PDB file of N, CA and C in Angstrom:
ATOM      1  N   UNK A   1      97.809 108.376 110.080  1.00  0.00           N
ATOM      2  CA  UNK A   1      98.830 109.373 109.815  1.00  0.00           C
ATOM      3  C   UNK A   1     100.144 108.875 110.382  1.00  0.00           C
ATOM      4  N   UNK A   2     101.184 108.941 109.601  1.00  0.00           N
ATOM      5  CA  UNK A   2     102.501 108.515 110.049  1.00  0.00           C
ATOM      6  C   UNK A   2     103.299 109.745 110.429  1.00  0.00           C
ATOM      7  N   UNK A   3     103.993 109.682 111.517  1.00  0.00           N
ATOM      8  CA  UNK A   3     104.777 110.804 111.999  1.00  0.00           C
ATOM      9  C   UNK A   3     106.245 110.580 111.684  1.00  0.00           C
ATOM     10  N   UNK A   4     106.981 111.660 111.534  1.00  0.00           N
ATOM     11  CA  UNK A   4     108.385 111.591 111.157  1.00  0.00           C
ATOM     12  C   UNK A   4     109.196 110.761 112.135  1.00  0.00           C
ATOM     13  N   UNK A   5     108.841 110.791 113.405  1.00  0.00           N
ATOM     14  CA  UNK A   5     109.595 110.032 114.406  1.00  0.00           C
ATOM     15  C   UNK A   5     108.962 108.670 114.671  1.00  0.00           C
ATOM     16  N   UNK A   6     108.121 108.186 113.769  1.00  0.00           N
ATOM     17  CA  UNK A   6     107.471 106.898 113.950  1.00  0.00           C
ATOM     18  C   UNK A   6     106.359 106.955 114.972  1.00  0.00           C
ATOM     19  N   UNK A   7     105.871 108.143 115.256  1.00  0.00           N
ATOM     20  CA  UNK A   7     104.813 108.289 116.241  1.00  0.00           C
ATOM     21  C   UNK A   7     105.323 108.094 117.643  1.00  0.00           C
ATOM     22  N   UNK A   8     106.634 108.108 117.811  1.00  0.00           N
ATOM     23  CA  UNK A   8     107.215 107.920 119.132  1.00  0.00           C
ATOM     24  C   UNK A   8     107.170 106.477 119.598  1.00  0.00           C
ATOM     25  N   UNK A   9     106.866 105.544 118.700  1.00  0.00           N
ATOM     26  CA  UNK A   9     106.757 104.148 119.089  1.00  0.00           C
ATOM     27  C   UNK A   9     108.110 103.460 119.062  1.00  0.00           C
ATOM     28  N   UNK A  10     108.340 102.689 120.093  1.00  0.00           N
ATOM     29  CA  UNK A  10     109.538 101.866 120.124  1.00  0.00           C
ATOM     30  C   UNK A  10     109.301 100.637 119.260  1.00  0.00           C
ATOM     31  N   UNK A  11     110.344  99.906 118.980  1.00  0.00           N
ATOM     32  CA  UNK A  11     110.204  98.664 118.219  1.00  0.00           C
ATOM     33  C   UNK A  11     109.265  97.707 118.948  1.00  0.00           C
ATOM     34  N   UNK A  12     109.329  97.705 120.267  1.00  0.00           N
ATOM     35  CA  UNK A  12     108.460  96.835 121.063  1.00  0.00           C
ATOM     36  C   UNK A  12     106.988  97.202 120.882  1.00  0.00           C
ATOM     37  N   UNK A  13     106.679  98.497 120.888  1.00  0.00           N
ATOM     38  CA  UNK A  13     105.293  98.950 120.720  1.00  0.00           C
ATOM     39  C   UNK A  13     104.800  98.685 119.293  1.00  0.00           C
ATOM     40  N   UNK A  14     105.686  98.874 118.293  1.00  0.00           N
ATOM     41  CA  UNK A  14     105.297  98.557 116.917  1.00  0.00           C
ATOM     42  C   UNK A  14     104.963  97.072 116.801  1.00  0.00           C
ATOM     43  N   UNK A  15     105.762  96.222 117.461  1.00  0.00           N
ATOM     44  CA  UNK A  15     105.514  94.774 117.429  1.00  0.00           C
ATOM     45  C   UNK A  15     104.184  94.446 118.106  1.00  0.00           C
ATOM     46  N   UNK A  16     103.886  95.122 119.207  1.00  0.00           N
ATOM     47  CA  UNK A  16     102.615  94.884 119.905  1.00  0.00           C
ATOM     48  C   UNK A  16     101.438  95.258 119.006  1.00  0.00           C
ATOM     49  N   UNK A  17     101.558  96.357 118.316  1.00  0.00           N
ATOM     50  CA  UNK A  17     100.480  96.766 117.405  1.00  0.00           C
ATOM     51  C   UNK A  17     100.343  95.786 116.247  1.00  0.00           C
ATOM     52  N   UNK A  18     101.473  95.284 115.778  1.00  0.00           N
ATOM     53  CA  UNK A  18     101.413  94.302 114.701  1.00  0.00           C
ATOM     54  C   UNK A  18     100.709  93.031 115.179  1.00  0.00           C
ATOM     55  N   UNK A  19     100.955  92.615 116.405  1.00  0.00           N
ATOM     56  CA  UNK A  19     100.277  91.433 116.941  1.00  0.00           C
ATOM     57  C   UNK A  19      98.752  91.640 116.959  1.00  0.00           C
ATOM     58  N   UNK A  20      98.327  92.845 117.284  1.00  0.00           N
ATOM     59  CA  UNK A  20      96.894  93.153 117.283  1.00  0.00           C
ATOM     60  C   UNK A  20      96.339  93.052 115.862  1.00  0.00           C
ATOM     61  N   UNK A  21      97.081  93.598 114.884  1.00  0.00           N
ATOM     62  CA  UNK A  21      96.625  93.512 113.498  1.00  0.00           C
ATOM     63  C   UNK A  21      96.575  92.062 113.018  1.00  0.00           C
ATOM     64  N   UNK A  22      97.545  91.247 113.429  1.00  0.00           N
ATOM     65  CA  UNK A  22      97.559  89.839 113.034  1.00  0.00           C
ATOM     66  C   UNK A  22      96.362  89.099 113.640  1.00  0.00           C
ATOM     67  N   UNK A  23      96.026  89.416 114.882  1.00  0.00           N
ATOM     68  CA  UNK A  23      94.838  88.823 115.498  1.00  0.00           C
ATOM     69  C   UNK A  23      93.597  89.229 114.722  1.00  0.00           C
ATOM     70  N   UNK A  24      93.525  90.487 114.322  1.00  0.00           N
ATOM     71  CA  UNK A  24      92.396  90.935 113.510  1.00  0.00           C
ATOM     72  C   UNK A  24      92.355  90.142 112.199  1.00  0.00           C
ATOM     73  N   UNK A  25      93.509  89.925 111.591  1.00  0.00           N
ATOM     74  CA  UNK A  25      93.570  89.167 110.341  1.00  0.00           C
ATOM     75  C   UNK A  25      93.052  87.749 110.495  1.00  0.00           C
ATOM     76  N   UNK A  26      93.396  87.095 111.589  1.00  0.00           N
ATOM     77  CA  UNK A  26      92.879  85.749 111.835  1.00  0.00           C
ATOM     78  C   UNK A  26      91.354  85.778 111.980  1.00  0.00           C
ATOM     79  N   UNK A  27      90.865  86.844 112.586  1.00  0.00           N
ATOM     80  CA  UNK A  27      89.416  86.976 112.759  1.00  0.00           C
ATOM     81  C   UNK A  27      88.724  87.320 111.442  1.00  0.00           C
ATOM     82  N   UNK A  28      89.411  88.051 110.545  1.00  0.00           N
ATOM     83  CA  UNK A  28      88.855  88.286 109.210  1.00  0.00           C
ATOM     84  C   UNK A  28      88.656  86.948 108.508  1.00  0.00           C
ATOM     85  N   UNK A  29      89.673  86.069 108.634  1.00  0.00           N
ATOM     86  CA  UNK A  29      89.611  84.760 107.991  1.00  0.00           C
ATOM     87  C   UNK A  29      88.427  83.942 108.511  1.00  0.00           C
ATOM     88  N   UNK A  30      88.093  84.118 109.776  1.00  0.00           N
ATOM     89  CA  UNK A  30      86.950  83.400 110.373  1.00  0.00           C
ATOM     90  C   UNK A  30      85.618  84.032 109.998  1.00  0.00           C
ATOM     91  N   UNK A  31      85.667  85.256 109.482  1.00  0.00           N
ATOM     92  CA  UNK A  31      84.443  85.937 109.085  1.00  0.00           C
ATOM     93  C   UNK A  31      83.820  86.791 110.182  1.00  0.00           C
ATOM     94  N   UNK A  32      84.586  87.114 111.219  1.00  0.00           N
ATOM     95  CA  UNK A  32      84.058  87.939 112.313  1.00  0.00           C
ATOM     96  C   UNK A  32      83.710  89.337 111.823  1.00  0.00           C
ATOM     97  N   UNK A  33      82.749  89.948 112.477  1.00  0.00           N
ATOM     98  CA  UNK A  33      82.292  91.290 112.129  1.00  0.00           C
ATOM     99  C   UNK A  33      83.271  92.358 112.615  1.00  0.00           C
ATOM    100  N   UNK A  34      83.351  93.427 111.853  1.00  0.00           N
ATOM    101  CA  UNK A  34      84.228  94.551 112.184  1.00  0.00           C
ATOM    102  C   UNK A  34      83.956  95.081 113.584  1.00  0.00           C
ATOM    103  N   UNK A  35      82.696  95.279 113.922  1.00  0.00           N
ATOM    104  CA  UNK A  35      82.352  95.842 115.232  1.00  0.00           C
ATOM    105  C   UNK A  35      82.792  94.932 116.370  1.00  0.00           C
ATOM    106  N   UNK A  36      82.673  93.615 116.189  1.00  0.00           N
ATOM    107  CA  UNK A  36      83.096  92.678 117.227  1.00  0.00           C
ATOM    108  C   UNK A  36      84.612  92.692 117.398  1.00  0.00           C
ATOM    109  N   UNK A  37      85.323  92.729 116.289  1.00  0.00           N
ATOM    110  CA  UNK A  37      86.788  92.759 116.342  1.00  0.00           C
ATOM    111  C   UNK A  37      87.253  94.032 117.039  1.00  0.00           C
ATOM    112  N   UNK A  38      86.681  95.162 116.650  1.00  0.00           N
ATOM    113  CA  UNK A  38      87.072  96.445 117.246  1.00  0.00           C
ATOM    114  C   UNK A  38      86.836  96.446 118.752  1.00  0.00           C
ATOM    115  N   UNK A  39      85.698  95.966 119.155  1.00  0.00           N
ATOM    116  CA  UNK A  39      85.372  95.941 120.584  1.00  0.00           C
ATOM    117  C   UNK A  39      86.339  95.040 121.354  1.00  0.00           C
ATOM    118  N   UNK A  40      86.560  93.838 120.838  1.00  0.00           N
ATOM    119  CA  UNK A  40      87.409  92.877 121.536  1.00  0.00           C
ATOM    120  C   UNK A  40      88.876  93.305 121.588  1.00  0.00           C
ATOM    121  N   UNK A  41      89.343  93.959 120.529  1.00  0.00           N
ATOM    122  CA  UNK A  41      90.754  94.379 120.481  1.00  0.00           C
ATOM    123  C   UNK A  41      90.952  95.795 121.013  1.00  0.00           C
ATOM    124  N   UNK A  42      89.847  96.442 121.369  1.00  0.00           N
ATOM    125  CA  UNK A  42      89.872  97.787 121.942  1.00  0.00           C
ATOM    126  C   UNK A  42      90.531  98.803 121.006  1.00  0.00           C
ATOM    127  N   UNK A  43      90.053  98.767 119.757  1.00  0.00           N
ATOM    128  CA  UNK A  43      90.494  99.715 118.739  1.00  0.00           C
ATOM    129  C   UNK A  43      89.251 100.260 118.050  1.00  0.00           C
ATOM    130  N   UNK A  44      89.431 101.276 117.222  1.00  0.00           N
ATOM    131  CA  UNK A  44      88.284 101.859 116.527  1.00  0.00           C
ATOM    132  C   UNK A  44      87.844 100.970 115.361  1.00  0.00           C
ATOM    133  N   UNK A  45      86.570 101.074 115.035  1.00  0.00           N
ATOM    134  CA  UNK A  45      86.072 100.345 113.864  1.00  0.00           C
ATOM    135  C   UNK A  45      86.759 100.838 112.595  1.00  0.00           C
ATOM    136  N   UNK A  46      87.064 102.106 112.571  1.00  0.00           N
ATOM    137  CA  UNK A  46      87.758 102.668 111.407  1.00  0.00           C
ATOM    138  C   UNK A  46      89.116 101.993 111.193  1.00  0.00           C
ATOM    139  N   UNK A  47      89.850 101.754 112.289  1.00  0.00           N
ATOM    140  CA  UNK A  47      91.131 101.050 112.168  1.00  0.00           C
ATOM    141  C   UNK A  47      90.918  99.647 111.626  1.00  0.00           C
ATOM    142  N   UNK A  48      89.924  98.949 112.164  1.00  0.00           N
ATOM    143  CA  UNK A  48      89.646  97.582 111.709  1.00  0.00           C
ATOM    144  C   UNK A  48      89.253  97.582 110.239  1.00  0.00           C
ATOM    145  N   UNK A  49      88.484  98.563 109.813  1.00  0.00           N
ATOM    146  CA  UNK A  49      88.105  98.654 108.397  1.00  0.00           C
ATOM    147  C   UNK A  49      89.337  98.837 107.508  1.00  0.00           C
ATOM    148  N   UNK A  50      90.271  99.686 107.948  1.00  0.00           N
ATOM    149  CA  UNK A  50      91.503  99.897 107.183  1.00  0.00           C
ATOM    150  C   UNK A  50      92.325  98.606 107.131  1.00  0.00           C
ATOM    151  N   UNK A  51      92.428  97.946 108.268  1.00  0.00           N
ATOM    152  CA  UNK A  51      93.165  96.677 108.310  1.00  0.00           C
ATOM    153  C   UNK A  51      92.514  95.648 107.401  1.00  0.00           C
ATOM    154  N   UNK A  52      91.176  95.621 107.382  1.00  0.00           N
ATOM    155  CA  UNK A  52      90.470  94.656 106.530  1.00  0.00           C
ATOM    156  C   UNK A  52      90.777  94.936 105.056  1.00  0.00           C
ATOM    157  N   UNK A  53      90.819  96.214 104.667  1.00  0.00           N
ATOM    158  CA  UNK A  53      91.188  96.551 103.277  1.00  0.00           C
ATOM    159  C   UNK A  53      92.606  96.064 102.979  1.00  0.00           C
ATOM    160  N   UNK A  54      93.528  96.326 103.893  1.00  0.00           N
ATOM    161  CA  UNK A  54      94.908  95.872 103.693  1.00  0.00           C
ATOM    162  C   UNK A  54      94.981  94.351 103.612  1.00  0.00           C
ATOM    163  N   UNK A  55      94.201  93.675 104.440  1.00  0.00           N
ATOM    164  CA  UNK A  55      94.169  92.210 104.458  1.00  0.00           C
ATOM    165  C   UNK A  55      93.616  91.672 103.137  1.00  0.00           C
ATOM    166  N   UNK A  56      92.561  92.305 102.620  1.00  0.00           N
ATOM    167  CA  UNK A  56      91.984  91.860 101.348  1.00  0.00           C
ATOM    168  C   UNK A  56      92.993  91.982 100.208  1.00  0.00           C
ATOM    169  N   UNK A  57      93.798  93.041 100.270  1.00  0.00           N
ATOM    170  CA  UNK A  57      94.777  93.282  99.203  1.00  0.00           C
ATOM    171  C   UNK A  57      96.034  92.442  99.347  1.00  0.00           C
ATOM    172  N   UNK A  58      96.438  92.130 100.609  1.00  0.00           N
ATOM    173  CA  UNK A  58      97.714  91.445 100.793  1.00  0.00           C
ATOM    174  C   UNK A  58      97.723  90.315 101.793  1.00  0.00           C
ATOM    175  N   UNK A  59      96.546  89.897 102.260  1.00  0.00           N
ATOM    176  CA  UNK A  59      96.507  88.830 103.256  1.00  0.00           C
ATOM    177  C   UNK A  59      97.180  89.274 104.552  1.00  0.00           C
ATOM    178  N   UNK A  60      97.612  88.301 105.339  1.00  0.00           N
ATOM    179  CA  UNK A  60      98.273  88.636 106.601  1.00  0.00           C
ATOM    180  C   UNK A  60      99.550  89.445 106.370  1.00  0.00           C
ATOM    181  N   UNK A  61     100.190  89.195 105.256  1.00  0.00           N
ATOM    182  CA  UNK A  61     101.411  89.948 104.912  1.00  0.00           C
ATOM    183  C   UNK A  61     101.107  91.445 104.807  1.00  0.00           C
ATOM    184  N   UNK A  62      99.916  91.776 104.341  1.00  0.00           N
ATOM    185  CA  UNK A  62      99.504  93.165 104.199  1.00  0.00           C
ATOM    186  C   UNK A  62      99.272  93.870 105.523  1.00  0.00           C
ATOM    187  N   UNK A  63      99.223  93.101 106.617  1.00  0.00           N
ATOM    188  CA  UNK A  63      99.010  93.678 107.940  1.00  0.00           C
ATOM    189  C   UNK A  63     100.301  93.869 108.717  1.00  0.00           C
ATOM    190  N   UNK A  64     101.408  93.409 108.160  1.00  0.00           N
ATOM    191  CA  UNK A  64     102.686  93.535 108.870  1.00  0.00           C
ATOM    192  C   UNK A  64     103.125  94.979 108.944  1.00  0.00           C
ATOM    193  N   UNK A  65     103.888  95.268 109.980  1.00  0.00           N
ATOM    194  CA  UNK A  65     104.414  96.608 110.184  1.00  0.00           C
ATOM    195  C   UNK A  65     105.335  97.000 109.035  1.00  0.00           C
ATOM    196  N   UNK A  66     105.250  98.256 108.646  1.00  0.00           N
ATOM    197  CA  UNK A  66     106.137  98.777 107.602  1.00  0.00           C
ATOM    198  C   UNK A  66     107.432  99.304 108.209  1.00  0.00           C
ATOM    199  N   UNK A  67     107.556  99.208 109.546  1.00  0.00           N
ATOM    200  CA  UNK A  67     108.730  99.718 110.240  1.00  0.00           C
ATOM    201  C   UNK A  67     108.543 101.172 110.596  1.00  0.00           C
ATOM    202  N   UNK A  68     109.561 101.765 111.170  1.00  0.00           N
ATOM    203  CA  UNK A  68     109.428 103.171 111.560  1.00  0.00           C
ATOM    204  C   UNK A  68     109.235 104.055 110.333  1.00  0.00           C
ATOM    205  N   UNK A  69     108.436 105.081 110.514  1.00  0.00           N
ATOM    206  CA  UNK A  69     108.195 106.016 109.415  1.00  0.00           C
ATOM    207  C   UNK A  69     109.473 106.773 109.094  1.00  0.00           C
ATOM    208  N   UNK A  70     109.641 107.064 107.827  1.00  0.00           N
ATOM    209  CA  UNK A  70     110.786 107.883 107.414  1.00  0.00           C
ATOM    210  C   UNK A  70     110.327 109.325 107.332  1.00  0.00           C
ATOM    211  N   UNK A  71     111.205 110.209 107.663  1.00  0.00           N
ATOM    212  CA  UNK A  71     110.817 111.620 107.599  1.00  0.00           C
ATOM    213  C   UNK A  71     110.711 112.045 106.137  1.00  0.00           C
ATOM    214  N   UNK A  72     109.819 112.980 105.909  1.00  0.00           N
ATOM    215  CA  UNK A  72     109.638 113.518 104.568  1.00  0.00           C
ATOM    216  C   UNK A  72     110.697 114.567 104.287  1.00  0.00           C
ATOM    217  N   UNK A  73     111.076 114.708 103.030  1.00  0.00           N
ATOM    218  CA  UNK A  73     112.024 115.772 102.700  1.00  0.00           C
ATOM    219  C   UNK A  73     111.384 117.134 102.954  1.00  0.00           C
ATOM    220  N   UNK A  74     112.192 118.064 103.352  1.00  0.00           N
ATOM    221  CA  UNK A  74     111.687 119.405 103.604  1.00  0.00           C
ATOM    222  C   UNK A  74     111.753 120.237 102.323  1.00  0.00           C
ATOM    223  N   UNK A  75     110.797 121.146 102.202  1.00  0.00           N
ATOM    224  CA  UNK A  75     110.790 122.079 101.081  1.00  0.00           C
ATOM    225  C   UNK A  75     111.053 123.464 101.649  1.00  0.00           C
ATOM    226  N   UNK A  76     111.756 124.250 100.895  1.00  0.00           N
ATOM    227  CA  UNK A  76     112.120 125.582 101.353  1.00  0.00           C
ATOM    228  C   UNK A  76     111.151 126.615 100.817  1.00  0.00           C
ATOM    229  N   UNK A  77     110.809 127.562 101.676  1.00  0.00           N
ATOM    230  CA  UNK A  77     109.950 128.669 101.274  1.00  0.00           C
ATOM    231  C   UNK A  77     110.711 129.597 100.327  1.00  0.00           C
ATOM    232  N   UNK A  78     109.985 130.484  99.705  1.00  0.00           N
ATOM    233  CA  UNK A  78     110.566 131.408  98.735  1.00  0.00           C
ATOM    234  C   UNK A  78     111.689 132.242  99.341  1.00  0.00           C
ATOM    235  N   UNK A  79     111.565 132.579 100.650  1.00  0.00           N
ATOM    236  CA  UNK A  79     112.605 133.416 101.240  1.00  0.00           C
ATOM    237  C   UNK A  79     113.931 132.665 101.436  1.00  0.00           C
ATOM    238  N   UNK A  80     113.915 131.354 101.222  1.00  0.00           N
ATOM    239  CA  UNK A  80     115.136 130.556 101.303  1.00  0.00           C
ATOM    240  C   UNK A  80     115.617 130.293 102.722  1.00  0.00           C
ATOM    241  N   UNK A  81     114.856 130.701 103.715  1.00  0.00           N
ATOM    242  CA  UNK A  81     115.309 130.544 105.094  1.00  0.00           C
ATOM    243  C   UNK A  81     114.436 129.580 105.904  1.00  0.00           C
ATOM    244  N   UNK A  82     113.217 129.348 105.494  1.00  0.00           N
ATOM    245  CA  UNK A  82     112.282 128.562 106.290  1.00  0.00           C
ATOM    246  C   UNK A  82     112.016 127.215 105.649  1.00  0.00           C
ATOM    247  N   UNK A  83     112.162 126.167 106.442  1.00  0.00           N
ATOM    248  CA  UNK A  83     111.865 124.820 105.957  1.00  0.00           C
ATOM    249  C   UNK A  83     110.478 124.414 106.441  1.00  0.00           C
ATOM    250  N   UNK A  84     109.734 123.813 105.540  1.00  0.00           N
ATOM    251  CA  UNK A  84     108.397 123.344 105.864  1.00  0.00           C
ATOM    252  C   UNK A  84     108.293 121.908 105.367  1.00  0.00           C
ATOM    253  N   UNK A  85     107.829 120.997 106.204  1.00  0.00           N
ATOM    254  CA  UNK A  85     107.615 119.617 105.776  1.00  0.00           C
ATOM    255  C   UNK A  85     106.247 119.480 105.159  1.00  0.00           C
ATOM    256  N   UNK A  86     106.185 118.827 104.006  1.00  0.00           N
ATOM    257  CA  UNK A  86     104.917 118.602 103.328  1.00  0.00           C
ATOM    258  C   UNK A  86     104.609 117.135 103.303  1.00  0.00           C
TER     259      UNK A  86
END
């Protein structure tokens, strides 16, 4: 899930997470198992599975950070006074 404020991550933290994904990508290339990668990188297997899908579709390039999340446009309720993000 991406948050409007980028999950509160600084550019430095986004870069650190990208380094972890790149390490996972190198391990995908070696044929390492998802469970081993998750354990060694101290992340969930679900995250590694998602990264592996991205890697299959785009290689290491597919694992690069997309940058800070952009906020979604707000939609107005019928009363015209309340904004709700969807």
